[in-house]
Amino acid sequence: MAANTPQYDYAFAGTGAAAAITYSILNKHNPHSSFLLVDKQNRPARHAAAFWHTSNATPLPALHTWDRYAVVDSSGQRHIKQLNRFAYSMHWSDEMISQLLKGVSVVHARVESADATQVISAGQSWNARHVFDSRWKRSGFCQLFSGRHLKLERPHSIHEPVLMDFTLPVRDNVVLGYQLPVASDEILIEVVSFGAVADIDGILDSYIASQGLTGSTLLHERGLTPLRLFRHQPGRIGISGTVVRASNGYGLPYFLRDAQLIAAGKRYYRPLLYNLSDLILLNMVKRHPVRAHKLLNRLVSRLSGDDLIAFLDETMSVSALPRFVSAMSPVAMLRYTAVNLLQIFNEYKKQTGDSADT
């Protein structure tokens, strides 16, 4: 075989959620194609993997699905958001990836480099017609999270996910609470920080105590997600491909959309409206966290369940736009954008350049 002859149709450097989803979609569309997956890990890390989807289908393996969610505003008032067009689901990441890659043989090796047609590891290399690189490293501004999957001493009374709890105090950055009821006596409770905090585990423990929850820890998950504006990068998928929304840190719905477009011979591009809103909100979260907290609190409290998810999903209808603008306090947003225009422009240059903000 000639040195540059493709050995595979598709090769993946890394087998995280984005690679597993992309492989699954491509395999369905091209069942006779050959695939190579290379990853240094024997088993993916376990954490809660949540995603929204249209209510008539669950496109990814799901353990739980809800037709509503809750938001707790800064005053402590709980807002129940009914979903009609959408649904909200979760699974454990390791189980989801294992299901998506069922029957696939993964080469366990550390990838040293990957380009458009080749994956290189220590002492060996593989050629492919298409290479997808999902590897990523911490860089720039990140969303940090710490959560505990608790086995409670007594059943809880939480019936729907709490996607955002604004009652946690604002420090040097925006910190939100998150809750997933995974059984009548089990719950995943998490805190998410936009930017570094000194003691995120301590904040989590205080948040758990404030909810009156006691029990044993089945899993303590920690992690981070780089928050970058979308920038098309050929051959890169997932976090590496900046598909994660910089304004919210969700990944799975965007990984799925990117995979479906790849299977159709296209690639994902984030619409200008959403990239612009991410840019403004990212600047606000980084430099004016108290103002960002107030804006997010107002926005998610006032929007309906479907309107908020449609905005996250980048499928907001023209008819929903006035409701979104009204909930966002447009005069305050325009004033903020005008006053901070230079900062926002510098953020754009930094985000779309080669260097990351550290």
Protein backbone atom coordinates (compact mmCIF):
# COMPACT_ATOMS: atom_id res chain seq x y z
CA MET A 1 0.00 0.00 0.00
CA ALA A 2 1.36 3.44 -0.92
CA ALA A 3 2.34 5.59 2.04
CA ASN A 4 -0.44 8.15 1.47
CA THR A 5 -3.19 5.74 0.45
CA PRO A 6 -6.15 6.18 2.84
CA GLN A 7 -6.52 3.19 5.14
CA TYR A 8 -9.87 4.42 6.46
CA ASP A 9 -12.74 6.57 5.28
CA TYR A 10 -12.99 8.40 8.61
CA ALA A 11 -10.58 8.70 11.54
CA PHE A 12 -11.18 10.32 14.93
CA ALA A 13 -8.53 11.72 17.27
CA GLY A 14 -10.25 11.44 20.64
CA THR A 15 -13.47 9.60 21.53
CA GLY A 16 -15.38 12.04 23.69
CA ALA A 17 -19.03 12.96 23.23
CA ALA A 18 -18.52 14.96 20.01
CA ALA A 19 -16.54 12.14 18.37
CA ALA A 20 -19.02 9.47 19.52
CA ILE A 21 -22.01 11.44 18.20
CA THR A 22 -20.28 12.21 14.89
CA TYR A 23 -19.24 8.58 14.45
CA SER A 24 -22.79 7.39 15.22
CA ILE A 25 -24.39 9.73 12.67
CA LEU A 26 -21.80 9.02 9.97
CA ASN A 27 -22.10 5.27 10.52
CA LYS A 28 -25.87 5.44 10.04
CA HIS A 29 -25.51 7.40 6.82
CA ASN A 30 -22.49 5.43 5.54
CA PRO A 31 -22.81 1.89 6.95
CA HIS A 32 -20.18 0.48 4.57
CA SER A 33 -17.51 3.06 5.41
CA SER A 34 -14.43 2.21 7.47
CA PHE A 35 -13.72 4.02 10.75
CA LEU A 36 -10.73 4.45 13.04
CA LEU A 37 -11.01 5.85 16.56
CA VAL A 38 -7.90 6.62 18.62
CA ASP A 39 -7.93 7.71 22.26
CA LYS A 40 -5.52 7.42 25.17
CA GLN A 41 -8.32 6.75 27.68
CA ASN A 42 -9.62 3.23 28.25
CA ARG A 43 -12.97 4.58 29.47
CA PRO A 44 -14.59 8.02 29.19
CA ALA A 45 -15.07 10.10 32.32
CA ARG A 46 -18.48 9.96 34.01
CA HIS A 47 -20.52 13.11 34.41
CA ALA A 48 -24.07 14.27 33.75
CA ALA A 49 -24.70 14.87 30.04
CA ALA A 50 -27.84 16.95 29.51
CA PHE A 51 -29.40 18.16 26.29
CA TRP A 52 -32.63 19.50 24.82
CA HIS A 53 -34.34 18.23 21.70
CA THR A 54 -37.67 18.44 19.92
CA SER A 55 -40.36 16.70 21.91
CA ASN A 56 -41.24 14.10 19.27
CA ALA A 57 -37.85 12.34 19.28
CA THR A 58 -34.85 11.68 21.50
CA PRO A 59 -31.88 11.78 19.11
CA LEU A 60 -29.32 10.63 21.69
CA PRO A 61 -29.46 7.88 24.34
CA ALA A 62 -31.36 9.25 27.34
CA LEU A 63 -31.87 7.96 30.86
CA HIS A 64 -34.41 10.61 31.90
CA THR A 65 -36.60 13.00 29.90
CA TRP A 66 -38.70 15.89 31.22
CA ASP A 67 -41.39 18.06 29.64
CA ARG A 68 -40.71 20.99 31.93
CA TYR A 69 -37.91 22.61 33.91
CA ALA A 70 -37.56 25.24 36.61
CA VAL A 71 -35.63 28.47 37.09
CA VAL A 72 -35.10 29.99 40.54
CA ASP A 73 -34.68 33.76 40.38
CA SER A 74 -32.46 35.85 42.65
CA SER A 75 -35.32 36.43 45.11
CA GLY A 76 -35.79 32.67 45.52
CA GLN A 77 -39.02 32.47 43.50
CA ARG A 78 -39.34 29.25 41.53
CA HIS A 79 -40.59 29.55 37.92
CA ILE A 80 -41.89 26.35 36.31
CA LYS A 81 -41.30 26.38 32.54
CA GLN A 82 -43.52 24.04 30.55
CA LEU A 83 -42.08 22.59 27.35
CA ASN A 84 -44.29 21.84 24.36
CA ARG A 85 -42.02 22.06 21.33
CA PHE A 86 -38.97 20.76 23.20
CA ALA A 87 -38.02 18.24 25.87
CA TYR A 88 -35.00 18.07 28.19
CA SER A 89 -33.04 14.85 28.70
CA MET A 90 -29.96 13.53 30.46
CA HIS A 91 -27.71 10.49 30.57
CA TRP A 92 -24.40 9.70 32.17
CA SER A 93 -21.68 10.62 29.69
CA ASP A 94 -19.73 7.35 29.90
CA GLU A 95 -22.87 5.27 29.32
CA MET A 96 -24.01 7.49 26.44
CA ILE A 97 -20.62 7.29 24.72
CA SER A 98 -20.46 3.51 25.26
CA GLN A 99 -23.89 3.10 23.65
CA LEU A 100 -22.97 5.30 20.69
CA LEU A 101 -19.71 3.39 20.17
CA LYS A 102 -21.15 -0.07 20.86
CA GLY A 103 -19.22 -2.72 18.96
CA VAL A 104 -16.51 -0.27 17.86
CA SER A 105 -12.88 -1.16 18.45
CA VAL A 106 -10.95 1.83 19.78
CA VAL A 107 -7.17 2.03 19.45
CA HIS A 108 -5.89 3.05 22.87
CA ALA A 109 -2.91 5.28 22.15
CA ARG A 110 -1.91 8.86 22.80
CA VAL A 111 -2.44 10.98 19.70
CA GLU A 112 0.61 13.13 19.06
CA SER A 113 -0.79 15.01 16.08
CA ALA A 114 -3.63 14.96 13.58
CA ASP A 115 -4.18 16.79 10.33
CA ALA A 116 -6.70 16.64 7.51
CA THR A 117 -5.74 13.12 6.39
CA GLN A 118 -3.49 11.58 9.05
CA VAL A 119 -3.46 10.62 12.73
CA ILE A 120 -0.04 10.09 14.30
CA SER A 121 0.71 8.27 17.55
CA ALA A 122 3.97 6.98 19.02
CA GLY A 123 5.57 4.73 16.43
CA GLN A 124 2.55 4.50 14.14
CA SER A 125 0.33 6.56 11.86
CA TRP A 126 -2.97 6.08 10.04
CA ASN A 127 -4.25 7.73 6.87
CA ALA A 128 -7.89 8.53 6.22
CA ARG A 129 -9.99 10.44 3.70
CA HIS A 130 -11.38 12.54 6.55
CA VAL A 131 -9.90 13.15 9.99
CA PHE A 132 -11.86 14.70 12.86
CA ASP A 133 -9.92 16.04 15.84
CA SER A 134 -11.95 16.48 19.02
CA ARG A 135 -9.01 16.85 21.41
CA TRP A 136 -8.91 20.08 23.38
CA LYS A 137 -6.95 21.73 26.15
CA ARG A 138 -7.76 24.39 28.69
CA SER A 139 -7.25 27.85 27.28
CA GLY A 140 -8.67 31.28 27.92
CA PHE A 141 -11.91 31.95 29.76
CA CYS A 142 -13.60 28.79 31.07
CA GLN A 143 -16.80 27.64 32.68
CA LEU A 144 -16.03 25.56 35.78
CA PHE A 145 -18.42 23.12 37.39
CA SER A 146 -18.49 20.95 40.48
CA GLY A 147 -21.36 18.61 41.28
CA ARG A 148 -22.38 15.74 43.53
CA HIS A 149 -24.67 12.85 42.68
CA LEU A 150 -26.28 12.25 46.06
CA LYS A 151 -28.09 9.25 47.48
CA LEU A 152 -30.42 11.02 49.90
CA GLU A 153 -31.48 9.91 53.35
CA ARG A 154 -35.11 10.57 52.42
CA PRO A 155 -36.98 11.19 49.13
CA HIS A 156 -36.82 14.72 47.75
CA SER A 157 -39.71 16.79 46.35
CA ILE A 158 -38.00 18.06 43.19
CA HIS A 159 -39.90 16.91 40.11
CA GLU A 160 -38.16 18.78 37.30
CA PRO A 161 -34.61 19.94 36.53
CA VAL A 162 -33.57 23.31 37.89
CA LEU A 163 -31.55 24.68 34.99
CA MET A 164 -30.53 27.92 36.66
CA ASP A 165 -30.65 28.93 40.31
CA PHE A 166 -29.73 32.59 40.74
CA THR A 167 -29.76 32.60 44.56
CA LEU A 168 -26.03 31.91 44.88
CA PRO A 169 -24.12 35.10 45.73
CA VAL A 170 -22.31 36.90 42.91
CA ARG A 171 -18.59 37.07 43.63
CA ASP A 172 -16.02 38.05 41.05
CA ASN A 173 -17.99 36.08 38.49
CA VAL A 174 -21.43 34.62 37.82
CA VAL A 175 -22.14 31.42 39.78
CA LEU A 176 -25.37 29.47 39.20
CA GLY A 177 -26.94 26.39 40.75
CA TYR A 178 -28.18 23.37 38.78
CA GLN A 179 -30.24 20.36 39.89
CA LEU A 180 -31.22 17.12 38.18
CA PRO A 181 -33.60 14.74 39.98
CA VAL A 182 -32.42 11.34 38.73
CA ALA A 183 -34.51 9.21 41.14
CA SER A 184 -36.94 9.77 43.99
CA ASP A 185 -34.06 9.60 46.47
CA GLU A 186 -31.19 10.65 44.19
CA ILE A 187 -30.23 14.04 42.81
CA LEU A 188 -27.34 15.62 40.97
CA ILE A 189 -26.71 19.06 42.37
CA GLU A 190 -24.09 21.29 40.81
CA VAL A 191 -22.67 24.78 40.80
CA VAL A 192 -21.39 26.38 37.62
CA SER A 193 -19.00 29.32 37.59
CA PHE A 194 -18.25 31.51 34.58
CA GLY A 195 -14.58 32.02 35.37
CA ALA A 196 -12.28 30.73 38.08
CA VAL A 197 -13.32 30.70 41.74
CA ALA A 198 -11.13 29.99 44.75
CA ASP A 199 -13.19 27.18 46.26
CA ILE A 200 -15.87 25.84 43.95
CA ASP A 201 -16.24 22.65 46.02
CA GLY A 202 -16.89 24.75 49.13
CA ILE A 203 -19.54 26.76 47.25
CA LEU A 204 -21.13 23.48 46.18
CA ASP A 205 -21.24 22.12 49.74
CA SER A 206 -22.83 25.35 50.97
CA TYR A 207 -25.40 25.19 48.18
CA ILE A 208 -26.29 21.59 49.04
CA ALA A 209 -26.71 22.56 52.72
CA SER A 210 -28.93 25.52 51.74
CA GLN A 211 -31.27 23.09 49.93
CA GLY A 212 -31.61 20.92 53.06
CA LEU A 213 -30.20 17.87 51.27
CA THR A 214 -28.27 15.21 53.20
CA GLY A 215 -26.97 11.88 52.03
CA SER A 216 -23.98 10.01 50.66
CA THR A 217 -22.03 11.02 47.55
CA LEU A 218 -22.24 8.50 44.70
CA LEU A 219 -20.20 10.67 42.33
CA HIS A 220 -18.31 13.94 42.62
CA GLU A 221 -17.84 15.44 39.18
CA ARG A 222 -15.56 18.35 38.38
CA GLY A 223 -14.61 19.86 35.08
CA LEU A 224 -14.29 22.89 32.90
CA THR A 225 -15.31 24.02 29.44
CA PRO A 226 -13.42 26.69 27.48
CA LEU A 227 -15.86 29.39 26.36
CA ARG A 228 -14.90 30.64 22.92
CA LEU A 229 -16.82 32.38 20.17
CA PHE A 230 -17.61 30.09 17.27
CA ARG A 231 -14.96 30.11 14.57
CA HIS A 232 -15.05 27.57 11.75
CA GLN A 233 -12.01 25.29 12.03
CA PRO A 234 -11.80 22.57 9.38
CA GLY A 235 -11.32 19.08 10.76
CA ARG A 236 -12.11 20.04 14.35
CA ILE A 237 -15.30 19.06 16.15
CA GLY A 238 -16.81 19.52 19.59
CA ILE A 239 -15.10 21.84 22.07
CA SER A 240 -12.02 21.87 19.84
CA GLY A 241 -14.20 23.16 17.00
CA THR A 242 -15.68 25.95 19.22
CA VAL A 243 -19.16 24.49 18.70
CA VAL A 244 -20.03 24.91 22.41
CA ARG A 245 -22.02 28.12 23.00
CA ALA A 246 -19.83 30.68 24.78
CA SER A 247 -22.87 32.09 26.58
CA ASN A 248 -24.08 28.87 28.21
CA GLY A 249 -21.51 26.05 27.98
CA TYR A 250 -23.90 23.48 26.49
CA GLY A 251 -22.40 21.17 23.89
CA LEU A 252 -24.43 18.08 23.01
CA PRO A 253 -27.21 19.70 20.92
CA TYR A 254 -24.59 21.56 18.87
CA PHE A 255 -22.38 18.46 18.52
CA LEU A 256 -25.41 16.62 17.15
CA ARG A 257 -26.29 19.37 14.66
CA ASP A 258 -22.68 19.57 13.46
CA ALA A 259 -22.58 15.77 13.01
CA GLN A 260 -25.80 15.77 11.00
CA LEU A 261 -24.43 18.49 8.72
CA ILE A 262 -21.12 16.64 8.29
CA ALA A 263 -23.07 13.56 7.20
CA ALA A 264 -24.82 15.76 4.61
CA GLY A 265 -21.48 17.07 3.32
CA LYS A 266 -21.80 20.43 5.11
CA ARG A 267 -20.46 22.06 8.26
CA TYR A 268 -22.04 23.96 11.09
CA TYR A 269 -21.97 27.76 11.20
CA ARG A 270 -23.40 29.77 14.08
CA PRO A 271 -25.87 32.43 12.88
CA LEU A 272 -24.68 36.02 13.35
CA LEU A 273 -27.44 36.90 15.84
CA TYR A 274 -26.35 34.17 18.25
CA ASN A 275 -22.62 34.77 17.83
CA LEU A 276 -23.18 38.48 18.49
CA SER A 277 -25.27 37.82 21.59
CA ASP A 278 -22.58 35.41 22.82
CA LEU A 279 -19.94 38.09 22.28
CA ILE A 280 -21.80 40.74 24.27
CA LEU A 281 -22.78 38.37 27.08
CA LEU A 282 -19.27 36.88 27.29
CA ASN A 283 -17.80 40.36 27.65
CA MET A 284 -20.37 41.23 30.32
CA VAL A 285 -19.84 37.99 32.28
CA LYS A 286 -16.07 38.48 32.30
CA ARG A 287 -15.93 42.19 33.12
CA HIS A 288 -19.28 43.08 34.73
CA PRO A 289 -20.53 39.92 36.47
CA VAL A 290 -23.14 41.65 38.65
CA ARG A 291 -24.75 43.23 35.60
CA ALA A 292 -24.58 39.93 33.72
CA HIS A 293 -26.23 38.14 36.65
CA LYS A 294 -29.10 40.64 36.67
CA LEU A 295 -29.57 40.40 32.91
CA LEU A 296 -29.61 36.58 32.89
CA ASN A 297 -31.92 36.50 35.90
CA ARG A 298 -34.40 38.80 34.16
CA LEU A 299 -34.15 37.03 30.80
CA VAL A 300 -34.64 33.42 31.89
CA SER A 301 -37.30 34.30 34.47
CA ARG A 302 -39.49 36.08 31.91
CA LEU A 303 -39.15 33.87 28.86
CA SER A 304 -41.40 30.85 28.38
CA GLY A 305 -39.90 27.39 28.49
CA ASP A 306 -39.95 26.93 24.73
CA ASP A 307 -38.72 30.48 23.98
CA LEU A 308 -35.64 30.09 26.18
CA ILE A 309 -34.75 26.69 24.73
CA ALA A 310 -35.37 27.97 21.19
CA PHE A 311 -32.86 30.75 21.83
CA LEU A 312 -30.33 28.23 23.14
CA ASP A 313 -31.15 25.97 20.19
CA GLU A 314 -30.65 28.81 17.70
CA THR A 315 -34.10 28.18 16.23
CA MET A 316 -35.98 31.14 17.69
CA SER A 317 -38.81 32.20 15.39
CA VAL A 318 -39.36 35.73 14.15
CA SER A 319 -42.59 35.88 16.17
CA ALA A 320 -40.66 35.08 19.38
CA LEU A 321 -38.06 37.82 18.81
CA PRO A 322 -40.15 40.67 20.33
CA ARG A 323 -40.72 38.60 23.48
CA PHE A 324 -37.00 37.89 23.74
CA VAL A 325 -36.04 41.55 23.22
CA SER A 326 -38.60 42.68 25.82
CA ALA A 327 -37.35 40.16 28.39
CA MET A 328 -33.76 41.24 27.80
CA SER A 329 -34.32 44.94 28.65
CA PRO A 330 -33.25 46.30 25.24
CA VAL A 331 -32.52 49.89 26.34
CA ALA A 332 -30.10 48.69 29.03
CA MET A 333 -28.45 46.28 26.58
CA LEU A 334 -28.01 48.97 23.90
CA ARG A 335 -26.59 51.36 26.49
CA TYR A 336 -24.19 48.69 27.75
CA THR A 337 -23.08 47.83 24.20
CA ALA A 338 -22.50 51.49 23.30
CA VAL A 339 -20.54 52.26 26.46
CA ASN A 340 -18.43 49.11 26.20
CA LEU A 341 -18.09 49.00 22.43
CA LEU A 342 -14.28 49.15 22.49
CA GLN A 343 -14.07 46.34 25.07
CA ILE A 344 -16.48 44.23 23.01
CA PHE A 345 -14.49 44.86 19.84
CA ASN A 346 -11.26 43.88 21.61
CA GLU A 347 -13.00 40.74 22.91
CA TYR A 348 -13.98 39.89 19.35
CA LYS A 349 -10.40 40.31 18.11
CA LYS A 350 -9.08 38.21 20.97
CA GLN A 351 -11.67 35.48 20.48
CA THR A 352 -11.23 35.24 16.74
CA GLY A 353 -7.45 35.54 16.81
CA ASP A 354 -4.91 32.84 17.57
CA SER A 355 -4.32 33.79 21.21
CA ALA A 356 -6.70 33.04 24.07
CA ASP A 357 -7.52 35.28 26.99
CA THR A 358 -5.91 33.81 30.08
